[in-house]
Protein backbone atom coordinates (compact mmCIF):
# COMPACT_ATOMS: atom_id res chain seq x y z
CA MET A 1 28.04 -79.08 -63.70
CA ARG A 2 28.97 -82.23 -61.81
CA GLU A 3 32.42 -80.73 -61.25
CA LEU A 4 30.77 -78.32 -58.80
CA LEU A 5 29.57 -81.12 -56.55
CA GLY A 6 31.62 -82.35 -53.62
CA PRO A 7 31.77 -82.78 -49.88
CA GLY A 8 31.72 -79.60 -47.82
CA ARG A 9 30.74 -77.39 -50.73
CA THR A 10 28.09 -75.02 -49.43
CA LEU A 11 27.56 -71.31 -50.04
CA HIS A 12 25.50 -68.99 -47.86
CA PHE A 13 24.20 -65.67 -49.23
CA HIS A 14 22.88 -63.17 -46.67
CA ALA A 15 21.20 -59.89 -47.60
CA THR A 16 22.05 -57.37 -44.89
CA ASP A 17 19.65 -54.60 -45.86
CA THR A 18 16.30 -56.36 -45.59
CA ALA A 19 13.83 -56.67 -42.75
CA PRO A 20 14.32 -59.79 -40.60
CA GLU A 21 10.89 -61.11 -41.55
CA ALA A 22 12.01 -61.20 -45.22
CA HIS A 23 14.36 -64.08 -44.36
CA ALA A 24 16.68 -62.95 -47.16
CA GLU A 25 19.23 -65.72 -46.78
CA TRP A 26 19.94 -68.60 -49.12
CA VAL A 27 22.15 -71.67 -49.08
CA VAL A 28 23.47 -73.26 -52.25
CA ASP A 29 24.25 -76.88 -51.45
CA LEU A 30 26.68 -78.71 -53.71
CA THR A 31 27.19 -81.70 -51.41
CA GLY A 32 24.65 -84.08 -52.98
CA GLU A 33 24.16 -85.58 -56.40
CA VAL A 34 22.49 -82.43 -57.74
CA ILE A 35 22.77 -78.73 -56.99
CA ALA A 36 20.19 -77.68 -54.42
CA TRP A 37 19.27 -74.39 -52.80
CA ARG A 38 17.09 -73.35 -49.92
CA ARG A 39 16.17 -70.30 -47.90
CA ALA A 40 18.03 -70.80 -44.66
CA HIS A 41 20.41 -69.36 -42.11
CA GLU A 42 23.09 -72.04 -41.90
CA LYS A 43 26.80 -72.30 -41.46
CA ALA A 44 28.45 -72.90 -44.84
CA ALA A 45 31.93 -73.29 -46.30
CA VAL A 46 31.69 -69.72 -47.59
CA ALA A 47 29.34 -66.92 -46.59
CA VAL A 48 28.67 -63.82 -48.67
CA ARG A 49 27.04 -60.87 -46.92
CA GLY A 50 25.92 -57.58 -48.36
CA PRO A 51 22.99 -55.53 -49.62
CA LEU A 52 20.49 -57.59 -51.63
CA THR A 53 21.12 -55.70 -54.87
CA GLU A 54 24.87 -56.23 -54.52
CA LEU A 55 24.39 -59.97 -53.96
CA LEU A 56 22.32 -60.16 -57.14
CA LEU A 57 24.90 -58.17 -59.08
CA LEU A 58 27.60 -60.55 -57.82
CA VAL A 59 25.65 -63.65 -58.87
CA TYR A 60 24.98 -62.09 -62.29
CA LYS A 61 28.71 -61.29 -62.57
CA ARG A 62 28.17 -57.53 -62.66
CA ARG A 63 30.22 -56.95 -59.49
CA PRO A 64 33.47 -58.52 -58.29
CA ALA A 65 33.42 -60.97 -55.40
CA HIS A 66 36.44 -59.35 -53.79
CA GLY A 67 37.21 -55.75 -52.96
CA GLY A 68 33.66 -54.65 -53.62
CA THR A 69 30.59 -54.07 -51.55
CA VAL A 70 30.06 -57.62 -50.27
CA GLU A 71 31.85 -59.40 -47.45
CA VAL A 72 33.20 -62.89 -48.15
CA LEU A 73 33.85 -65.12 -45.14
CA GLY A 74 35.36 -68.58 -45.31
CA ASP A 75 36.40 -70.46 -48.43
CA ALA A 76 36.68 -67.64 -50.98
CA LYS A 77 38.15 -70.07 -53.53
CA LEU A 78 34.90 -72.06 -53.46
CA LEU A 79 32.94 -68.89 -54.23
CA ASP A 80 35.28 -68.12 -57.16
CA PHE A 81 35.03 -71.73 -58.42
CA TRP A 82 31.23 -71.57 -58.29
CA LEU A 83 31.00 -68.13 -59.94
CA GLU A 84 33.30 -69.23 -62.79
CA ARG A 85 30.99 -72.12 -63.63
CA VAL A 86 27.44 -70.88 -63.11
CA SER A 87 25.43 -68.60 -65.35
CA PHE A 88 22.20 -66.77 -64.64
CA GLY A 89 21.22 -64.99 -67.73
């Protein structure tokens, strides 16, 4: 998975249908020596916004990243690169 790592490679996932106190936002940080994630509202190279269930379906590759129910802002190619190489299952 080292091919995922590199400068400026950050992904921000933001659930739009949750209460603010749920803090349903996550950052996947690929800028260090290992993949890291945290709950945070931060600027990232690519941001993905949508209902929580749709974000999960995207990460589990059950929904497309483009033309679906999530909004992709920024470096869409980074999101595609990440999705092609990660597996949650």
